[in-house]
Amino acid sequence: MLEVRTMCSNGTVEVEVADTGVGIAHDNLNRIFDPFFTTKNVGRGTGLGLSVSYGIIKEHAGKIDVRSTQGKGTSFRLEFPVARKGVHV
Protein backbone atom coordinates (compact mmCIF):
# COMPACT_ATOMS: atom_id res chain seq x y z
CA MET A 1 0.00 0.00 0.00
CA LEU A 2 1.24 3.48 -0.87
CA GLU A 3 0.07 6.59 0.93
CA VAL A 4 0.80 10.23 0.04
CA ARG A 5 0.02 13.08 2.42
CA THR A 6 0.52 16.82 2.01
CA MET A 7 0.47 19.57 4.61
CA CYS A 8 1.11 23.30 4.65
CA SER A 9 1.92 25.19 7.84
CA ASN A 10 4.24 27.85 9.23
CA GLY A 11 5.70 28.77 5.86
CA THR A 12 6.50 25.22 4.80
CA VAL A 13 4.96 22.66 2.51
CA GLU A 14 5.39 19.03 3.53
CA VAL A 15 4.91 15.87 1.51
CA GLU A 16 5.05 12.41 3.02
CA VAL A 17 5.18 9.25 0.93
CA ALA A 18 4.84 6.04 2.91
CA ASP A 19 4.55 2.40 1.96
CA THR A 20 3.88 -0.89 3.67
CA GLY A 21 6.67 -2.71 1.83
CA VAL A 22 9.61 -4.70 3.14
CA GLY A 23 11.42 -1.64 4.50
CA ILE A 24 15.08 -0.67 4.29
CA ALA A 25 17.72 -2.51 6.31
CA HIS A 26 18.98 -0.39 9.21
CA ASP A 27 22.59 -0.73 7.98
CA ASN A 28 21.59 0.79 4.61
CA LEU A 29 19.56 3.78 5.86
CA ASN A 30 22.54 6.11 6.19
CA ARG A 31 23.77 5.20 2.67
CA ILE A 32 20.62 5.38 0.53
CA PHE A 33 21.33 8.92 -0.71
CA ASP A 34 24.95 8.13 -1.68
CA PRO A 35 25.62 8.17 -5.44
CA PHE A 36 25.78 4.68 -6.94
CA PHE A 37 24.64 2.93 -3.75
CA THR A 38 22.30 0.08 -4.59
CA THR A 39 21.28 -3.24 -3.12
CA LYS A 40 20.17 -4.51 -6.53
CA ASN A 41 22.10 -7.07 -8.55
CA VAL A 42 24.58 -5.84 -11.18
CA GLY A 43 22.75 -4.54 -14.24
CA ARG A 44 19.47 -3.98 -12.36
CA GLY A 45 20.01 -0.37 -11.28
CA THR A 46 22.55 2.44 -11.07
CA GLY A 47 21.95 3.64 -7.54
CA LEU A 48 21.40 7.21 -8.72
CA GLY A 49 17.66 7.73 -8.15
CA LEU A 50 17.71 8.78 -4.50
CA SER A 51 20.99 10.63 -4.89
CA VAL A 52 19.59 12.76 -7.73
CA SER A 53 16.34 13.31 -5.80
CA TYR A 54 18.33 14.44 -2.76
CA GLY A 55 20.22 16.97 -4.90
CA ILE A 56 17.01 18.38 -6.40
CA ILE A 57 15.40 18.71 -2.96
CA LYS A 58 18.46 20.53 -1.55
CA GLU A 59 18.62 22.77 -4.65
CA HIS A 60 15.11 23.98 -3.75
CA ALA A 61 16.01 24.65 -0.08
CA GLY A 62 14.21 21.50 0.98
CA LYS A 63 14.81 18.81 3.55
CA ILE A 64 14.23 15.07 3.39
CA ASP A 65 13.88 12.57 6.20
CA VAL A 66 13.46 8.81 5.90
CA ARG A 67 12.20 6.32 8.45
CA SER A 68 11.95 2.64 7.89
CA THR A 69 11.19 -0.53 9.79
CA GLN A 70 12.03 -3.81 8.14
CA GLY A 71 8.90 -5.80 7.44
CA LYS A 72 6.62 -2.79 8.03
CA GLY A 73 7.53 -0.18 5.43
CA THR A 74 9.27 3.10 4.74
CA SER A 75 8.29 6.75 4.97
CA PHE A 76 9.96 9.67 3.16
CA ARG A 77 9.07 13.14 4.45
CA LEU A 78 9.97 16.16 2.31
CA GLU A 79 9.77 19.76 3.51
CA PHE A 80 10.05 22.86 1.34
CA PRO A 81 9.72 26.57 2.09
CA VAL A 82 6.59 28.15 0.63
CA ALA A 83 7.41 30.12 -2.53
CA ARG A 84 7.15 33.84 -1.92
CA LYS A 85 6.50 34.74 -5.56
CA GLY A 86 5.23 32.85 -8.56
CA VAL A 87 7.48 30.51 -10.48
CA HIS A 88 7.67 31.10 -14.23
CA VAL A 89 7.45 28.01 -16.38
PDB file of N, CA and C in Angstrom:
ATOM      1  N   MET A   1       0.844  -1.171   0.000  1.00  0.00           N
ATOM      2  CA  MET A   1       0.000   0.000   0.000  1.00  0.00           C
ATOM      3  C   MET A   1       0.896   1.242   0.000  1.00  0.00           C
ATOM      4  N   LEU A   2       0.500   2.221  -0.776  1.00  0.00           N
ATOM      5  CA  LEU A   2       1.239   3.480  -0.874  1.00  0.00           C
ATOM      6  C   LEU A   2       0.327   4.612  -0.428  1.00  0.00           C
ATOM      7  N   GLU A   3       0.849   5.476   0.413  1.00  0.00           N
ATOM      8  CA  GLU A   3       0.065   6.590   0.931  1.00  0.00           C
ATOM      9  C   GLU A   3       0.856   7.881   0.745  1.00  0.00           C
ATOM     10  N   VAL A   4       0.180   8.924   0.236  1.00  0.00           N
ATOM     11  CA  VAL A   4       0.800  10.231   0.037  1.00  0.00           C
ATOM     12  C   VAL A   4      -0.007  11.252   0.819  1.00  0.00           C
ATOM     13  N   ARG A   5       0.679  12.030   1.634  1.00  0.00           N
ATOM     14  CA  ARG A   5       0.025  13.081   2.423  1.00  0.00           C
ATOM     15  C   ARG A   5       0.721  14.408   2.166  1.00  0.00           C
ATOM     16  N   THR A   6      -0.045  15.482   2.153  1.00  0.00           N
ATOM     17  CA  THR A   6       0.522  16.820   2.009  1.00  0.00           C
ATOM     18  C   THR A   6       0.005  17.705   3.135  1.00  0.00           C
ATOM     19  N   MET A   7       0.838  18.635   3.563  1.00  0.00           N
ATOM     20  CA  MET A   7       0.469  19.574   4.611  1.00  0.00           C
ATOM     21  C   MET A   7       1.129  20.921   4.314  1.00  0.00           C
ATOM     22  N   CYS A   8       0.534  21.963   4.783  1.00  0.00           N
ATOM     23  CA  CYS A   8       1.111  23.295   4.653  1.00  0.00           C
ATOM     24  C   CYS A   8       0.915  24.016   5.977  1.00  0.00           C
ATOM     25  N   SER A   9       2.030  24.458   6.576  1.00  0.00           N
ATOM     26  CA  SER A   9       1.924  25.187   7.836  1.00  0.00           C
ATOM     27  C   SER A   9       3.214  25.934   8.116  1.00  0.00           C
ATOM     28  N   ASN A  10       3.087  27.055   8.784  1.00  0.00           N
ATOM     29  CA  ASN A  10       4.236  27.849   9.233  1.00  0.00           C
ATOM     30  C   ASN A  10       5.267  28.114   8.133  1.00  0.00           C
ATOM     31  N   GLY A  11       4.799  28.421   6.938  1.00  0.00           N
ATOM     32  CA  GLY A  11       5.699  28.773   5.858  1.00  0.00           C
ATOM     33  C   GLY A  11       6.392  27.604   5.181  1.00  0.00           C
ATOM     34  N   THR A  12       5.914  26.385   5.456  1.00  0.00           N
ATOM     35  CA  THR A  12       6.497  25.218   4.802  1.00  0.00           C
ATOM     36  C   THR A  12       5.408  24.350   4.176  1.00  0.00           C
ATOM     37  N   VAL A  13       5.818  23.648   3.153  1.00  0.00           N
ATOM     38  CA  VAL A  13       4.960  22.659   2.509  1.00  0.00           C
ATOM     39  C   VAL A  13       5.617  21.305   2.751  1.00  0.00           C
ATOM     40  N   GLU A  14       4.846  20.346   3.241  1.00  0.00           N
ATOM     41  CA  GLU A  14       5.390  19.031   3.533  1.00  0.00           C
ATOM     42  C   GLU A  14       4.679  17.976   2.705  1.00  0.00           C
ATOM     43  N   VAL A  15       5.445  17.007   2.252  1.00  0.00           N
ATOM     44  CA  VAL A  15       4.914  15.873   1.507  1.00  0.00           C
ATOM     45  C   VAL A  15       5.479  14.619   2.160  1.00  0.00           C
ATOM     46  N   GLU A  16       4.596  13.680   2.476  1.00  0.00           N
ATOM     47  CA  GLU A  16       5.054  12.411   3.018  1.00  0.00           C
ATOM     48  C   GLU A  16       4.571  11.287   2.114  1.00  0.00           C
ATOM     49  N   VAL A  17       5.501  10.427   1.733  1.00  0.00           N
ATOM     50  CA  VAL A  17       5.185   9.253   0.928  1.00  0.00           C
ATOM     51  C   VAL A  17       5.574   8.042   1.759  1.00  0.00           C
ATOM     52  N   ALA A  18       4.592   7.199   2.063  1.00  0.00           N
ATOM     53  CA  ALA A  18       4.838   6.036   2.913  1.00  0.00           C
ATOM     54  C   ALA A  18       4.320   4.780   2.232  1.00  0.00           C
ATOM     55  N   ASP A  19       5.011   3.674   2.485  1.00  0.00           N
ATOM     56  CA  ASP A  19       4.545   2.404   1.956  1.00  0.00           C
ATOM     57  C   ASP A  19       4.546   1.341   3.045  1.00  0.00           C
ATOM     58  N   THR A  20       3.930   0.231   2.738  1.00  0.00           N
ATOM     59  CA  THR A  20       3.882  -0.889   3.675  1.00  0.00           C
ATOM     60  C   THR A  20       4.725  -2.049   3.137  1.00  0.00           C
ATOM     61  N   GLY A  21       5.801  -1.703   2.444  1.00  0.00           N
ATOM     62  CA  GLY A  21       6.666  -2.713   1.833  1.00  0.00           C
ATOM     63  C   GLY A  21       7.594  -3.376   2.833  1.00  0.00           C
ATOM     64  N   VAL A  22       8.677  -3.924   2.326  1.00  0.00           N
ATOM     65  CA  VAL A  22       9.611  -4.698   3.143  1.00  0.00           C
ATOM     66  C   VAL A  22      10.510  -3.828   4.007  1.00  0.00           C
ATOM     67  N   GLY A  23      10.574  -2.537   3.734  1.00  0.00           N
ATOM     68  CA  GLY A  23      11.419  -1.637   4.504  1.00  0.00           C
ATOM     69  C   GLY A  23      12.855  -1.652   4.021  1.00  0.00           C
ATOM     70  N   ILE A  24      13.666  -0.804   4.633  1.00  0.00           N
ATOM     71  CA  ILE A  24      15.081  -0.674   4.291  1.00  0.00           C
ATOM     72  C   ILE A  24      15.886  -1.163   5.491  1.00  0.00           C
ATOM     73  N   ALA A  25      16.869  -1.998   5.232  1.00  0.00           N
ATOM     74  CA  ALA A  25      17.719  -2.513   6.308  1.00  0.00           C
ATOM     75  C   ALA A  25      18.375  -1.351   7.056  1.00  0.00           C
ATOM     76  N   HIS A  26      18.420  -1.449   8.359  1.00  0.00           N
ATOM     77  CA  HIS A  26      18.980  -0.392   9.211  1.00  0.00           C
ATOM     78  C   HIS A  26      20.395  -0.009   8.763  1.00  0.00           C
ATOM     79  N   ASP A  27      21.209  -1.000   8.404  1.00  0.00           N
ATOM     80  CA  ASP A  27      22.586  -0.734   7.977  1.00  0.00           C
ATOM     81  C   ASP A  27      22.658   0.074   6.688  1.00  0.00           C
ATOM     82  N   ASN A  28      21.602   0.069   5.882  1.00  0.00           N
ATOM     83  CA  ASN A  28      21.595   0.787   4.606  1.00  0.00           C
ATOM     84  C   ASN A  28      20.995   2.183   4.707  1.00  0.00           C
ATOM     85  N   LEU A  29      20.272   2.490   5.763  1.00  0.00           N
ATOM     86  CA  LEU A  29      19.561   3.775   5.859  1.00  0.00           C
ATOM     87  C   LEU A  29      20.481   4.975   5.700  1.00  0.00           C
ATOM     88  N   ASN A  30      21.664   4.937   6.272  1.00  0.00           N
ATOM     89  CA  ASN A  30      22.544   6.105   6.189  1.00  0.00           C
ATOM     90  C   ASN A  30      23.299   6.171   4.861  1.00  0.00           C
ATOM     91  N   ARG A  31      23.064   5.215   3.957  1.00  0.00           N
ATOM     92  CA  ARG A  31      23.768   5.195   2.673  1.00  0.00           C
ATOM     93  C   ARG A  31      22.841   5.400   1.479  1.00  0.00           C
ATOM     94  N   ILE A  32      21.544   5.411   1.668  1.00  0.00           N
ATOM     95  CA  ILE A  32      20.620   5.380   0.529  1.00  0.00           C
ATOM     96  C   ILE A  32      20.703   6.607  -0.374  1.00  0.00           C
ATOM     97  N   PHE A  33      21.216   7.719   0.120  1.00  0.00           N
ATOM     98  CA  PHE A  33      21.332   8.916  -0.708  1.00  0.00           C
ATOM     99  C   PHE A  33      22.717   9.049  -1.353  1.00  0.00           C
ATOM    100  N   ASP A  34      23.608   8.109  -1.080  1.00  0.00           N
ATOM    101  CA  ASP A  34      24.952   8.127  -1.681  1.00  0.00           C
ATOM    102  C   ASP A  34      24.869   7.772  -3.164  1.00  0.00           C
ATOM    103  N   PRO A  35      25.602   8.513  -4.006  1.00  0.00           N
ATOM    104  CA  PRO A  35      25.617   8.169  -5.440  1.00  0.00           C
ATOM    105  C   PRO A  35      26.120   6.736  -5.659  1.00  0.00           C
ATOM    106  N   PHE A  36      25.445   6.035  -6.516  1.00  0.00           N
ATOM    107  CA  PHE A  36      25.784   4.682  -6.942  1.00  0.00           C
ATOM    108  C   PHE A  36      25.560   3.605  -5.879  1.00  0.00           C
ATOM    109  N   PHE A  37      24.961   3.966  -4.734  1.00  0.00           N
ATOM    110  CA  PHE A  37      24.640   2.926  -3.748  1.00  0.00           C
ATOM    111  C   PHE A  37      23.375   2.199  -4.194  1.00  0.00           C
ATOM    112  N   THR A  38      23.456   0.893  -4.246  1.00  0.00           N
ATOM    113  CA  THR A  38      22.297   0.081  -4.589  1.00  0.00           C
ATOM    114  C   THR A  38      22.416  -1.277  -3.929  1.00  0.00           C
ATOM    115  N   THR A  39      21.299  -1.873  -3.636  1.00  0.00           N
ATOM    116  CA  THR A  39      21.284  -3.243  -3.118  1.00  0.00           C
ATOM    117  C   THR A  39      20.834  -4.209  -4.211  1.00  0.00           C
ATOM    118  N   LYS A  40      20.606  -3.670  -5.404  1.00  0.00           N
ATOM    119  CA  LYS A  40      20.172  -4.510  -6.527  1.00  0.00           C
ATOM    120  C   LYS A  40      21.359  -5.238  -7.142  1.00  0.00           C
ATOM    121  N   ASN A  41      21.064  -6.319  -7.846  1.00  0.00           N
ATOM    122  CA  ASN A  41      22.103  -7.068  -8.550  1.00  0.00           C
ATOM    123  C   ASN A  41      22.687  -6.226  -9.680  1.00  0.00           C
ATOM    124  N   VAL A  42      23.898  -6.540 -10.086  1.00  0.00           N
ATOM    125  CA  VAL A  42      24.577  -5.843 -11.180  1.00  0.00           C
ATOM    126  C   VAL A  42      23.678  -5.845 -12.418  1.00  0.00           C
ATOM    127  N   GLY A  43      23.564  -4.681 -13.040  1.00  0.00           N
ATOM    128  CA  GLY A  43      22.748  -4.541 -14.239  1.00  0.00           C
ATOM    129  C   GLY A  43      21.282  -4.256 -13.972  1.00  0.00           C
ATOM    130  N   ARG A  44      20.878  -4.196 -12.706  1.00  0.00           N
ATOM    131  CA  ARG A  44      19.473  -3.978 -12.358  1.00  0.00           C
ATOM    132  C   ARG A  44      19.191  -2.555 -11.871  1.00  0.00           C
ATOM    133  N   GLY A  45      20.213  -1.740 -11.730  1.00  0.00           N
ATOM    134  CA  GLY A  45      20.009  -0.370 -11.283  1.00  0.00           C
ATOM    135  C   GLY A  45      21.337   0.340 -11.129  1.00  0.00           C
ATOM    136  N   THR A  46      21.305   1.665 -11.159  1.00  0.00           N
ATOM    137  CA  THR A  46      22.549   2.436 -11.071  1.00  0.00           C
ATOM    138  C   THR A  46      22.797   3.004  -9.683  1.00  0.00           C
ATOM    139  N   GLY A  47      21.784   3.048  -8.847  1.00  0.00           N
ATOM    140  CA  GLY A  47      21.951   3.641  -7.539  1.00  0.00           C
ATOM    141  C   GLY A  47      21.987   5.158  -7.577  1.00  0.00           C
ATOM    142  N   LEU A  48      21.382   5.746  -8.597  1.00  0.00           N
ATOM    143  CA  LEU A  48      21.399   7.210  -8.717  1.00  0.00           C
ATOM    144  C   LEU A  48      20.072   7.875  -8.371  1.00  0.00           C
ATOM    145  N   GLY A  49      18.981   7.136  -8.332  1.00  0.00           N
ATOM    146  CA  GLY A  49      17.659   7.734  -8.150  1.00  0.00           C
ATOM    147  C   GLY A  49      17.528   8.578  -6.894  1.00  0.00           C
ATOM    148  N   LEU A  50      17.846   8.022  -5.734  1.00  0.00           N
ATOM    149  CA  LEU A  50      17.707   8.776  -4.498  1.00  0.00           C
ATOM    150  C   LEU A  50      18.768   9.860  -4.365  1.00  0.00           C
ATOM    151  N   SER A  51      19.943   9.622  -4.927  1.00  0.00           N
ATOM    152  CA  SER A  51      20.995  10.631  -4.890  1.00  0.00           C
ATOM    153  C   SER A  51      20.592  11.866  -5.699  1.00  0.00           C
ATOM    154  N   VAL A  52      20.054  11.648  -6.888  1.00  0.00           N
ATOM    155  CA  VAL A  52      19.593  12.757  -7.731  1.00  0.00           C
ATOM    156  C   VAL A  52      18.421  13.466  -7.062  1.00  0.00           C
ATOM    157  N   SER A  53      17.493  12.711  -6.506  1.00  0.00           N
ATOM    158  CA  SER A  53      16.341  13.306  -5.804  1.00  0.00           C
ATOM    159  C   SER A  53      16.814  14.177  -4.651  1.00  0.00           C
ATOM    160  N   TYR A  54      17.773  13.689  -3.882  1.00  0.00           N
ATOM    161  CA  TYR A  54      18.331  14.439  -2.759  1.00  0.00           C
ATOM    162  C   TYR A  54      18.898  15.776  -3.241  1.00  0.00           C
ATOM    163  N   GLY A  55      19.640  15.742  -4.349  1.00  0.00           N
ATOM    164  CA  GLY A  55      20.216  16.971  -4.898  1.00  0.00           C
ATOM    165  C   GLY A  55      19.157  17.971  -5.326  1.00  0.00           C
ATOM    166  N   ILE A  56      18.099  17.492  -5.959  1.00  0.00           N
ATOM    167  CA  ILE A  56      17.009  18.375  -6.397  1.00  0.00           C
ATOM    168  C   ILE A  56      16.313  18.994  -5.193  1.00  0.00           C
ATOM    169  N   ILE A  57      16.064  18.201  -4.172  1.00  0.00           N
ATOM    170  CA  ILE A  57      15.403  18.706  -2.962  1.00  0.00           C
ATOM    171  C   ILE A  57      16.259  19.787  -2.311  1.00  0.00           C
ATOM    172  N   LYS A  58      17.560  19.540  -2.164  1.00  0.00           N
ATOM    173  CA  LYS A  58      18.461  20.527  -1.555  1.00  0.00           C
ATOM    174  C   LYS A  58      18.558  21.792  -2.402  1.00  0.00           C
ATOM    175  N   GLU A  59      18.551  21.628  -3.726  1.00  0.00           N
ATOM    176  CA  GLU A  59      18.622  22.766  -4.646  1.00  0.00           C
ATOM    177  C   GLU A  59      17.430  23.707  -4.465  1.00  0.00           C
ATOM    178  N   HIS A  60      16.318  23.184  -3.980  1.00  0.00           N
ATOM    179  CA  HIS A  60      15.113  23.982  -3.752  1.00  0.00           C
ATOM    180  C   HIS A  60      14.903  24.291  -2.268  1.00  0.00           C
ATOM    181  N   ALA A  61      16.011  24.309  -1.514  1.00  0.00           N
ATOM    182  CA  ALA A  61      16.014  24.650  -0.083  1.00  0.00           C
ATOM    183  C   ALA A  61      15.140  23.709   0.737  1.00  0.00           C
ATOM    184  N   GLY A  62      15.040  22.470   0.294  1.00  0.00           N
ATOM    185  CA  GLY A  62      14.212  21.496   0.983  1.00  0.00           C
ATOM    186  C   GLY A  62      15.001  20.587   1.900  1.00  0.00           C
ATOM    187  N   LYS A  63      14.247  19.798   2.635  1.00  0.00           N
ATOM    188  CA  LYS A  63      14.813  18.807   3.550  1.00  0.00           C
ATOM    189  C   LYS A  63      14.125  17.479   3.272  1.00  0.00           C
ATOM    190  N   ILE A  64      14.829  16.383   3.537  1.00  0.00           N
ATOM    191  CA  ILE A  64      14.230  15.066   3.386  1.00  0.00           C
ATOM    192  C   ILE A  64      14.623  14.213   4.581  1.00  0.00           C
ATOM    193  N   ASP A  65      13.662  13.456   5.071  1.00  0.00           N
ATOM    194  CA  ASP A  65      13.880  12.566   6.201  1.00  0.00           C
ATOM    195  C   ASP A  65      13.285  11.215   5.836  1.00  0.00           C
ATOM    196  N   VAL A  66      13.969  10.148   6.190  1.00  0.00           N
ATOM    197  CA  VAL A  66      13.462   8.809   5.897  1.00  0.00           C
ATOM    198  C   VAL A  66      13.422   7.999   7.189  1.00  0.00           C
ATOM    199  N   ARG A  67      12.347   7.242   7.326  1.00  0.00           N
ATOM    200  CA  ARG A  67      12.196   6.322   8.450  1.00  0.00           C
ATOM    201  C   ARG A  67      11.731   4.997   7.894  1.00  0.00           C
ATOM    202  N   SER A  68      12.302   3.939   8.416  1.00  0.00           N
ATOM    203  CA  SER A  68      11.954   2.637   7.890  1.00  0.00           C
ATOM    204  C   SER A  68      12.062   1.572   8.972  1.00  0.00           C
ATOM    205  N   THR A  69      11.158   0.635   8.919  1.00  0.00           N
ATOM    206  CA  THR A  69      11.186  -0.532   9.788  1.00  0.00           C
ATOM    207  C   THR A  69      11.068  -1.761   8.905  1.00  0.00           C
ATOM    208  N   GLN A  70      12.064  -2.625   8.975  1.00  0.00           N
ATOM    209  CA  GLN A  70      12.032  -3.814   8.136  1.00  0.00           C
ATOM    210  C   GLN A  70      10.768  -4.624   8.422  1.00  0.00           C
ATOM    211  N   GLY A  71      10.116  -5.018   7.334  1.00  0.00           N
ATOM    212  CA  GLY A  71       8.895  -5.797   7.439  1.00  0.00           C
ATOM    213  C   GLY A  71       7.641  -4.961   7.613  1.00  0.00           C
ATOM    214  N   LYS A  72       7.796  -3.653   7.815  1.00  0.00           N
ATOM    215  CA  LYS A  72       6.624  -2.794   8.032  1.00  0.00           C
ATOM    216  C   LYS A  72       6.510  -1.640   7.049  1.00  0.00           C
ATOM    217  N   GLY A  73       7.615  -1.241   6.423  1.00  0.00           N
ATOM    218  CA  GLY A  73       7.530  -0.181   5.432  1.00  0.00           C
ATOM    219  C   GLY A  73       8.485   0.964   5.663  1.00  0.00           C
ATOM    220  N   THR A  74       8.378   1.947   4.761  1.00  0.00           N
ATOM    221  CA  THR A  74       9.270   3.104   4.739  1.00  0.00           C
ATOM    222  C   THR A  74       8.460   4.375   4.523  1.00  0.00           C
ATOM    223  N   SER A  75       8.934   5.452   5.120  1.00  0.00           N
ATOM    224  CA  SER A  75       8.293   6.754   4.966  1.00  0.00           C
ATOM    225  C   SER A  75       9.349   7.800   4.630  1.00  0.00           C
ATOM    226  N   PHE A  76       9.120   8.537   3.542  1.00  0.00           N
ATOM    227  CA  PHE A  76       9.959   9.665   3.163  1.00  0.00           C
ATOM    228  C   PHE A  76       9.156  10.932   3.417  1.00  0.00           C
ATOM    229  N   ARG A  77       9.730  11.865   4.168  1.00  0.00           N
ATOM    230  CA  ARG A  77       9.067  13.141   4.449  1.00  0.00           C
ATOM    231  C   ARG A  77       9.912  14.255   3.853  1.00  0.00           C
ATOM    232  N   LEU A  78       9.301  15.042   2.962  1.00  0.00           N
ATOM    233  CA  LEU A  78       9.970  16.163   2.309  1.00  0.00           C
ATOM    234  C   LEU A  78       9.380  17.460   2.831  1.00  0.00           C
ATOM    235  N   GLU A  79      10.226  18.442   3.024  1.00  0.00           N
ATOM    236  CA  GLU A  79       9.773  19.757   3.510  1.00  0.00           C
ATOM    237  C   GLU A  79      10.417  20.838   2.652  1.00  0.00           C
ATOM    238  N   PHE A  80       9.583  21.758   2.184  1.00  0.00           N
ATOM    239  CA  PHE A  80      10.049  22.864   1.337  1.00  0.00           C
ATOM    240  C   PHE A  80       9.502  24.179   1.880  1.00  0.00           C
ATOM    241  N   PRO A  81      10.271  25.264   1.732  1.00  0.00           N
ATOM    242  CA  PRO A  81       9.719  26.567   2.086  1.00  0.00           C
ATOM    243  C   PRO A  81       8.649  26.965   1.058  1.00  0.00           C
ATOM    244  N   VAL A  82       7.638  27.659   1.520  1.00  0.00           N
ATOM    245  CA  VAL A  82       6.589  28.151   0.626  1.00  0.00           C
ATOM    246  C   VAL A  82       7.198  29.207  -0.295  1.00  0.00           C
ATOM    247  N   ALA A  83       6.905  29.138  -1.567  1.00  0.00           N
ATOM    248  CA  ALA A  83       7.411  30.120  -2.534  1.00  0.00           C
ATOM    249  C   ALA A  83       6.796  31.481  -2.230  1.00  0.00           C
ATOM    250  N   ARG A  84       7.617  32.488  -2.211  1.00  0.00           N
ATOM    251  CA  ARG A  84       7.146  33.839  -1.921  1.00  0.00           C
ATOM    252  C   ARG A  84       6.582  34.543  -3.139  1.00  0.00           C
ATOM    253  N   LYS A  85       7.032  34.155  -4.337  1.00  0.00           N
ATOM    254  CA  LYS A  85       6.504  34.739  -5.556  1.00  0.00           C
ATOM    255  C   LYS A  85       6.334  33.620  -6.575  1.00  0.00           C
ATOM    256  N   GLY A  86       5.538  33.867  -7.557  1.00  0.00           N
ATOM    257  CA  GLY A  86       5.229  32.846  -8.563  1.00  0.00           C
ATOM    258  C   GLY A  86       6.465  32.351  -9.299  1.00  0.00           C
ATOM    259  N   VAL A  87       6.404  31.121  -9.707  1.00  0.00           N
ATOM    260  CA  VAL A  87       7.477  30.509 -10.479  1.00  0.00           C
ATOM    261  C   VAL A  87       7.067  30.539 -11.942  1.00  0.00           C
ATOM    262  N   HIS A  88       7.956  31.031 -12.797  1.00  0.00           N
ATOM    263  CA  HIS A  88       7.671  31.101 -14.231  1.00  0.00           C
ATOM    264  C   HIS A  88       8.074  29.808 -14.889  1.00  0.00           C
ATOM    265  N   VAL A  89       7.186  29.270 -15.696  1.00  0.00           N
ATOM    266  CA  VAL A  89       7.451  28.007 -16.380  1.00  0.00           C
ATOM    267  C   VAL A  89       7.906  28.282 -17.787  1.00  0.00           C
TER     268      VAL A  89
END
